[in-house]
Amino acid sequence: MDNVFKYFNGFFKGLTGLIMTVLGLGVAVEILFGGGALFGISVIENVMGVVNGLGNAGFGGLIALLVLFSLLTAK
């Protein structure tokens, strides 16, 4: 059972790393080539929308932001 948890933990860490890499690439491409350069998607506007949504949620948004931060920085 322990091997199953280690497998899924490694899978989700790899998936999170891949998503963060693609997100960073999207932001860099949009800065270099303008809005909608990556498959017609405005990555920066979407990230700003998520941050604004968490900011407008008050204390719950702060808790959600802290949880996301802890998940992304866990080693």
PDB file of N, CA and C in Angstrom:
ATOM      1  N   MET A   1       0.827  -1.198   0.000  1.00  0.00           N
ATOM      2  CA  MET A   1       0.000   0.000   0.000  1.00  0.00           C
ATOM      3  C   MET A   1       0.868   1.259   0.000  1.00  0.00           C
ATOM      4  N   ASP A   2       1.999   1.155   0.691  1.00  0.00           N
ATOM      5  CA  ASP A   2       2.905   2.299   0.741  1.00  0.00           C
ATOM      6  C   ASP A   2       3.451   2.621  -0.649  1.00  0.00           C
ATOM      7  N   ASN A   3       3.696   1.599  -1.440  1.00  0.00           N
ATOM      8  CA  ASN A   3       4.200   1.817  -2.803  1.00  0.00           C
ATOM      9  C   ASN A   3       3.178   2.540  -3.667  1.00  0.00           C
ATOM     10  N   VAL A   4       1.902   2.267  -3.450  1.00  0.00           N
ATOM     11  CA  VAL A   4       0.845   2.933  -4.214  1.00  0.00           C
ATOM     12  C   VAL A   4       0.845   4.427  -3.906  1.00  0.00           C
ATOM     13  N   PHE A   5       0.957   4.773  -2.616  1.00  0.00           N
ATOM     14  CA  PHE A   5       0.981   6.189  -2.240  1.00  0.00           C
ATOM     15  C   PHE A   5       2.227   6.892  -2.780  1.00  0.00           C
ATOM     16  N   LYS A   6       3.358   6.212  -2.748  1.00  0.00           N
ATOM     17  CA  LYS A   6       4.580   6.794  -3.297  1.00  0.00           C
ATOM     18  C   LYS A   6       4.449   7.010  -4.800  1.00  0.00           C
ATOM     19  N   TYR A   7       3.829   6.056  -5.486  1.00  0.00           N
ATOM     20  CA  TYR A   7       3.631   6.173  -6.930  1.00  0.00           C
ATOM     21  C   TYR A   7       2.754   7.380  -7.267  1.00  0.00           C
ATOM     22  N   PHE A   8       1.605   7.493  -6.576  1.00  0.00           N
ATOM     23  CA  PHE A   8       0.704   8.617  -6.856  1.00  0.00           C
ATOM     24  C   PHE A   8       1.319   9.944  -6.441  1.00  0.00           C
ATOM     25  N   ASN A   9       2.068   9.945  -5.354  1.00  0.00           N
ATOM     26  CA  ASN A   9       2.731  11.171  -4.921  1.00  0.00           C
ATOM     27  C   ASN A   9       3.730  11.621  -5.985  1.00  0.00           C
ATOM     28  N   GLY A  10       4.527  10.701  -6.495  1.00  0.00           N
ATOM     29  CA  GLY A  10       5.465  11.045  -7.554  1.00  0.00           C
ATOM     30  C   GLY A  10       4.776  11.494  -8.829  1.00  0.00           C
ATOM     31  N   PHE A  11       3.669  10.828  -9.164  1.00  0.00           N
ATOM     32  CA  PHE A  11       2.907  11.199 -10.358  1.00  0.00           C
ATOM     33  C   PHE A  11       2.388  12.628 -10.253  1.00  0.00           C
ATOM     34  N   PHE A  12       1.772  12.969  -9.116  1.00  0.00           N
ATOM     35  CA  PHE A  12       1.195  14.302  -8.982  1.00  0.00           C
ATOM     36  C   PHE A  12       2.259  15.378  -8.840  1.00  0.00           C
ATOM     37  N   LYS A  13       3.399  15.049  -8.249  1.00  0.00           N
ATOM     38  CA  LYS A  13       4.494  16.021  -8.214  1.00  0.00           C
ATOM     39  C   LYS A  13       5.008  16.294  -9.625  1.00  0.00           C
ATOM     40  N   GLY A  14       5.137  15.242 -10.427  1.00  0.00           N
ATOM     41  CA  GLY A  14       5.570  15.420 -11.812  1.00  0.00           C
ATOM     42  C   GLY A  14       4.564  16.196 -12.629  1.00  0.00           C
ATOM     43  N   LEU A  15       3.285  15.902 -12.421  1.00  0.00           N
ATOM     44  CA  LEU A  15       2.228  16.613 -13.136  1.00  0.00           C
ATOM     45  C   LEU A  15       2.200  18.089 -12.750  1.00  0.00           C
ATOM     46  N   THR A  16       2.360  18.377 -11.464  1.00  0.00           N
ATOM     47  CA  THR A  16       2.397  19.766 -11.008  1.00  0.00           C
ATOM     48  C   THR A  16       3.595  20.492 -11.605  1.00  0.00           C
ATOM     49  N   GLY A  17       4.746  19.831 -11.642  1.00  0.00           N
ATOM     50  CA  GLY A  17       5.929  20.438 -12.251  1.00  0.00           C
ATOM     51  C   GLY A  17       5.724  20.725 -13.724  1.00  0.00           C
ATOM     52  N   LEU A  18       5.088  19.801 -14.427  1.00  0.00           N
ATOM     53  CA  LEU A  18       4.797  20.001 -15.846  1.00  0.00           C
ATOM     54  C   LEU A  18       3.850  21.177 -16.057  1.00  0.00           C
ATOM     55  N   ILE A  19       2.801  21.259 -15.252  1.00  0.00           N
ATOM     56  CA  ILE A  19       1.833  22.355 -15.382  1.00  0.00           C
ATOM     57  C   ILE A  19       2.499  23.699 -15.096  1.00  0.00           C
ATOM     58  N   MET A  20       3.344  23.755 -14.070  1.00  0.00           N
ATOM     59  CA  MET A  20       4.013  25.013 -13.748  1.00  0.00           C
ATOM     60  C   MET A  20       4.994  25.410 -14.857  1.00  0.00           C
ATOM     61  N   THR A  21       5.638  24.436 -15.483  1.00  0.00           N
ATOM     62  CA  THR A  21       6.540  24.723 -16.598  1.00  0.00           C
ATOM     63  C   THR A  21       5.773  25.277 -17.790  1.00  0.00           C
ATOM     64  N   VAL A  22       4.646  24.656 -18.123  1.00  0.00           N
ATOM     65  CA  VAL A  22       3.830  25.128 -19.244  1.00  0.00           C
ATOM     66  C   VAL A  22       3.254  26.516 -18.938  1.00  0.00           C
ATOM     67  N   LEU A  23       2.879  26.749 -17.685  1.00  0.00           N
ATOM     68  CA  LEU A  23       2.366  28.066 -17.298  1.00  0.00           C
ATOM     69  C   LEU A  23       3.444  29.130 -17.463  1.00  0.00           C
ATOM     70  N   GLY A  24       4.658  28.825 -17.005  1.00  0.00           N
ATOM     71  CA  GLY A  24       5.766  29.770 -17.171  1.00  0.00           C
ATOM     72  C   GLY A  24       6.089  30.018 -18.632  1.00  0.00           C
ATOM     73  N   LEU A  25       6.055  28.964 -19.432  1.00  0.00           N
ATOM     74  CA  LEU A  25       6.282  29.107 -20.863  1.00  0.00           C
ATOM     75  C   LEU A  25       5.202  29.978 -21.499  1.00  0.00           C
ATOM     76  N   GLY A  26       3.957  29.782 -21.092  1.00  0.00           N
ATOM     77  CA  GLY A  26       2.860  30.581 -21.627  1.00  0.00           C
ATOM     78  C   GLY A  26       3.007  32.054 -21.309  1.00  0.00           C
ATOM     79  N   VAL A  27       3.418  32.354 -20.071  1.00  0.00           N
ATOM     80  CA  VAL A  27       3.626  33.750 -19.684  1.00  0.00           C
ATOM     81  C   VAL A  27       4.778  34.353 -20.490  1.00  0.00           C
ATOM     82  N   ALA A  28       5.873  33.614 -20.634  1.00  0.00           N
ATOM     83  CA  ALA A  28       7.012  34.131 -21.395  1.00  0.00           C
ATOM     84  C   ALA A  28       6.656  34.359 -22.862  1.00  0.00           C
ATOM     85  N   VAL A  29       5.921  33.420 -23.463  1.00  0.00           N
ATOM     86  CA  VAL A  29       5.524  33.566 -24.867  1.00  0.00           C
ATOM     87  C   VAL A  29       4.598  34.762 -25.029  1.00  0.00           C
ATOM     88  N   GLU A  30       3.691  34.948 -24.077  1.00  0.00           N
ATOM     89  CA  GLU A  30       2.763  36.082 -24.184  1.00  0.00           C
ATOM     90  C   GLU A  30       3.491  37.411 -24.016  1.00  0.00           C
ATOM     91  N   ILE A  31       4.494  37.461 -23.161  1.00  0.00           N
ATOM     92  CA  ILE A  31       5.269  38.693 -23.000  1.00  0.00           C
ATOM     93  C   ILE A  31       6.054  38.987 -24.276  1.00  0.00           C
ATOM     94  N   LEU A  32       6.633  37.952 -24.874  1.00  0.00           N
ATOM     95  CA  LEU A  32       7.459  38.164 -26.069  1.00  0.00           C
ATOM     96  C   LEU A  32       6.647  38.456 -27.324  1.00  0.00           C
ATOM     97  N   PHE A  33       5.533  37.742 -27.500  1.00  0.00           N
ATOM     98  CA  PHE A  33       4.805  37.831 -28.763  1.00  0.00           C
ATOM     99  C   PHE A  33       3.428  38.482 -28.657  1.00  0.00           C
ATOM    100  N   GLY A  34       3.023  38.893 -27.481  1.00  0.00           N
ATOM    101  CA  GLY A  34       1.734  39.555 -27.325  1.00  0.00           C
ATOM    102  C   GLY A  34       0.641  38.593 -26.893  1.00  0.00           C
ATOM    103  N   GLY A  35      -0.511  39.171 -26.561  1.00  0.00           N
ATOM    104  CA  GLY A  35      -1.635  38.398 -26.047  1.00  0.00           C
ATOM    105  C   GLY A  35      -2.171  37.385 -27.036  1.00  0.00           C
ATOM    106  N   GLY A  36      -2.496  36.216 -26.541  1.00  0.00           N
ATOM    107  CA  GLY A  36      -3.084  35.179 -27.365  1.00  0.00           C
ATOM    108  C   GLY A  36      -2.113  34.466 -28.276  1.00  0.00           C
ATOM    109  N   ALA A  37      -0.817  34.602 -28.016  1.00  0.00           N
ATOM    110  CA  ALA A  37       0.177  33.990 -28.896  1.00  0.00           C
ATOM    111  C   ALA A  37       0.265  32.473 -28.704  1.00  0.00           C
ATOM    112  N   LEU A  38      -0.159  31.977 -27.561  1.00  0.00           N
ATOM    113  CA  LEU A  38      -0.075  30.548 -27.272  1.00  0.00           C
ATOM    114  C   LEU A  38      -1.460  29.945 -27.419  1.00  0.00           C
ATOM    115  N   PHE A  39      -1.751  29.413 -28.590  1.00  0.00           N
ATOM    116  CA  PHE A  39      -3.029  28.775 -28.913  1.00  0.00           C
ATOM    117  C   PHE A  39      -4.228  29.710 -28.738  1.00  0.00           C
ATOM    118  N   GLY A  40      -4.018  31.000 -28.853  1.00  0.00           N
ATOM    119  CA  GLY A  40      -5.111  31.957 -28.729  1.00  0.00           C
ATOM    120  C   GLY A  40      -5.591  32.182 -27.304  1.00  0.00           C
ATOM    121  N   ILE A  41      -4.797  31.746 -26.330  1.00  0.00           N
ATOM    122  CA  ILE A  41      -5.183  31.871 -24.924  1.00  0.00           C
ATOM    123  C   ILE A  41      -4.356  32.990 -24.286  1.00  0.00           C
ATOM    124  N   SER A  42      -5.015  33.854 -23.528  1.00  0.00           N
ATOM    125  CA  SER A  42      -4.307  34.891 -22.801  1.00  0.00           C
ATOM    126  C   SER A  42      -3.975  34.362 -21.404  1.00  0.00           C
ATOM    127  N   VAL A  43      -2.763  33.859 -21.254  1.00  0.00           N
ATOM    128  CA  VAL A  43      -2.349  33.213 -20.012  1.00  0.00           C
ATOM    129  C   VAL A  43      -2.292  34.214 -18.869  1.00  0.00           C
ATOM    130  N   ILE A  44      -1.750  35.381 -19.121  1.00  0.00           N
ATOM    131  CA  ILE A  44      -1.592  36.379 -18.065  1.00  0.00           C
ATOM    132  C   ILE A  44      -2.958  36.824 -17.550  1.00  0.00           C
ATOM    133  N   GLU A  45      -3.927  37.033 -18.435  1.00  0.00           N
ATOM    134  CA  GLU A  45      -5.268  37.419 -17.991  1.00  0.00           C
ATOM    135  C   GLU A  45      -5.918  36.319 -17.159  1.00  0.00           C
ATOM    136  N   ASN A  46      -5.697  35.058 -17.545  1.00  0.00           N
ATOM    137  CA  ASN A  46      -6.262  33.958 -16.776  1.00  0.00           C
ATOM    138  C   ASN A  46      -5.634  33.860 -15.389  1.00  0.00           C
ATOM    139  N   VAL A  47      -4.329  34.037 -15.302  1.00  0.00           N
ATOM    140  CA  VAL A  47      -3.660  34.001 -13.996  1.00  0.00           C
ATOM    141  C   VAL A  47      -4.132  35.171 -13.136  1.00  0.00           C
ATOM    142  N   MET A  48      -4.251  36.335 -13.739  1.00  0.00           N
ATOM    143  CA  MET A  48      -4.744  37.492 -12.989  1.00  0.00           C
ATOM    144  C   MET A  48      -6.172  37.274 -12.521  1.00  0.00           C
ATOM    145  N   GLY A  49      -7.001  36.618 -13.319  1.00  0.00           N
ATOM    146  CA  GLY A  49      -8.365  36.318 -12.917  1.00  0.00           C
ATOM    147  C   GLY A  49      -8.428  35.391 -11.718  1.00  0.00           C
ATOM    148  N   VAL A  50      -7.547  34.391 -11.692  1.00  0.00           N
ATOM    149  CA  VAL A  50      -7.504  33.479 -10.542  1.00  0.00           C
ATOM    150  C   VAL A  50      -7.056  34.219  -9.288  1.00  0.00           C
ATOM    151  N   VAL A  51      -6.017  35.041  -9.421  1.00  0.00           N
ATOM    152  CA  VAL A  51      -5.514  35.796  -8.270  1.00  0.00           C
ATOM    153  C   VAL A  51      -6.561  36.778  -7.771  1.00  0.00           C
ATOM    154  N   ASN A  52      -7.240  37.473  -8.685  1.00  0.00           N
ATOM    155  CA  ASN A  52      -8.299  38.401  -8.277  1.00  0.00           C
ATOM    156  C   ASN A  52      -9.465  37.667  -7.629  1.00  0.00           C
ATOM    157  N   GLY A  53      -9.796  36.493  -8.143  1.00  0.00           N
ATOM    158  CA  GLY A  53     -10.868  35.701  -7.545  1.00  0.00           C
ATOM    159  C   GLY A  53     -10.534  35.284  -6.123  1.00  0.00           C
ATOM    160  N   LEU A  54      -9.289  34.886  -5.901  1.00  0.00           N
ATOM    161  CA  LEU A  54      -8.872  34.534  -4.541  1.00  0.00           C
ATOM    162  C   LEU A  54      -8.816  35.767  -3.651  1.00  0.00           C
ATOM    163  N   GLY A  55      -8.401  36.900  -4.225  1.00  0.00           N
ATOM    164  CA  GLY A  55      -8.324  38.134  -3.440  1.00  0.00           C
ATOM    165  C   GLY A  55      -9.686  38.651  -3.023  1.00  0.00           C
ATOM    166  N   ASN A  56     -10.691  38.445  -3.864  1.00  0.00           N
ATOM    167  CA  ASN A  56     -12.038  38.916  -3.552  1.00  0.00           C
ATOM    168  C   ASN A  56     -12.803  37.959  -2.643  1.00  0.00           C
ATOM    169  N   ALA A  57     -12.219  36.796  -2.350  1.00  0.00           N
ATOM    170  CA  ALA A  57     -12.907  35.806  -1.530  1.00  0.00           C
ATOM    171  C   ALA A  57     -12.680  36.042  -0.036  1.00  0.00           C
ATOM    172  N   GLY A  58     -11.917  37.059   0.325  1.00  0.00           N
ATOM    173  CA  GLY A  58     -11.696  37.380   1.730  1.00  0.00           C
ATOM    174  C   GLY A  58     -10.798  36.359   2.413  1.00  0.00           C
ATOM    175  N   PHE A  59     -11.189  35.995   3.635  1.00  0.00           N
ATOM    176  CA  PHE A  59     -10.378  35.095   4.445  1.00  0.00           C
ATOM    177  C   PHE A  59     -10.282  33.709   3.806  1.00  0.00           C
ATOM    178  N   GLY A  60     -11.358  33.248   3.202  1.00  0.00           N
ATOM    179  CA  GLY A  60     -11.337  31.948   2.517  1.00  0.00           C
ATOM    180  C   GLY A  60     -10.348  31.935   1.366  1.00  0.00           C
ATOM    181  N   GLY A  61     -10.253  33.038   0.646  1.00  0.00           N
ATOM    182  CA  GLY A  61      -9.286  33.159  -0.435  1.00  0.00           C
ATOM    183  C   GLY A  61      -7.855  33.135   0.072  1.00  0.00           C
ATOM    184  N   LEU A  62      -7.638  33.767   1.229  1.00  0.00           N
ATOM    185  CA  LEU A  62      -6.308  33.748   1.830  1.00  0.00           C
ATOM    186  C   LEU A  62      -5.919  32.335   2.241  1.00  0.00           C
ATOM    187  N   ILE A  63      -6.855  31.619   2.831  1.00  0.00           N
ATOM    188  CA  ILE A  63      -6.590  30.232   3.219  1.00  0.00           C
ATOM    189  C   ILE A  63      -6.311  29.384   1.976  1.00  0.00           C
ATOM    190  N   ALA A  64      -7.107  29.565   0.917  1.00  0.00           N
ATOM    191  CA  ALA A  64      -6.898  28.809  -0.316  1.00  0.00           C
ATOM    192  C   ALA A  64      -5.537  29.121  -0.921  1.00  0.00           C
ATOM    193  N   LEU A  65      -5.134  30.380  -0.893  1.00  0.00           N
ATOM    194  CA  LEU A  65      -3.832  30.781  -1.415  1.00  0.00           C
ATOM    195  C   LEU A  65      -2.707  30.153  -0.603  1.00  0.00           C
ATOM    196  N   LEU A  66      -2.845  30.108   0.709  1.00  0.00           N
ATOM    197  CA  LEU A  66      -1.830  29.481   1.550  1.00  0.00           C
ATOM    198  C   LEU A  66      -1.741  27.978   1.300  1.00  0.00           C
ATOM    199  N   VAL A  67      -2.883  27.335   1.100  1.00  0.00           N
ATOM    200  CA  VAL A  67      -2.881  25.904   0.810  1.00  0.00           C
ATOM    201  C   VAL A  67      -2.213  25.633  -0.535  1.00  0.00           C
ATOM    202  N   LEU A  68      -2.557  26.424  -1.553  1.00  0.00           N
ATOM    203  CA  LEU A  68      -1.914  26.260  -2.860  1.00  0.00           C
ATOM    204  C   LEU A  68      -0.416  26.488  -2.779  1.00  0.00           C
ATOM    205  N   PHE A  69      -0.014  27.511  -2.042  1.00  0.00           N
ATOM    206  CA  PHE A  69       1.405  27.798  -1.892  1.00  0.00           C
ATOM    207  C   PHE A  69       2.129  26.651  -1.208  1.00  0.00           C
ATOM    208  N   SER A  70       1.521  26.099  -0.179  1.00  0.00           N
ATOM    209  CA  SER A  70       2.170  24.996   0.525  1.00  0.00           C
ATOM    210  C   SER A  70       2.250  23.748  -0.342  1.00  0.00           C
ATOM    211  N   LEU A  71       1.229  23.515  -1.179  1.00  0.00           N
ATOM    212  CA  LEU A  71       1.273  22.368  -2.076  1.00  0.00           C
ATOM    213  C   LEU A  71       2.346  22.512  -3.142  1.00  0.00           C
ATOM    214  N   LEU A  72       2.512  23.712  -3.643  1.00  0.00           N
ATOM    215  CA  LEU A  72       3.480  23.939  -4.718  1.00  0.00           C
ATOM    216  C   LEU A  72       4.924  23.999  -4.222  1.00  0.00           C
ATOM    217  N   THR A  73       5.128  24.330  -2.938  1.00  0.00           N
ATOM    218  CA  THR A  73       6.489  24.434  -2.411  1.00  0.00           C
ATOM    219  C   THR A  73       6.885  23.220  -1.586  1.00  0.00           C
ATOM    220  N   ALA A  74       6.007  22.244  -1.422  1.00  0.00           N
ATOM    221  CA  ALA A  74       6.337  21.038  -0.638  1.00  0.00           C
ATOM    222  C   ALA A  74       7.392  20.217  -1.357  1.00  0.00           C
ATOM    223  N   LYS A  75       8.300  19.671  -0.570  1.00  0.00           N
ATOM    224  CA  LYS A  75       9.387  18.878  -1.171  1.00  0.00           C
ATOM    225  C   LYS A  75       9.307  17.452  -0.759  1.00  0.00           C
TER     226      LYS A  75
END
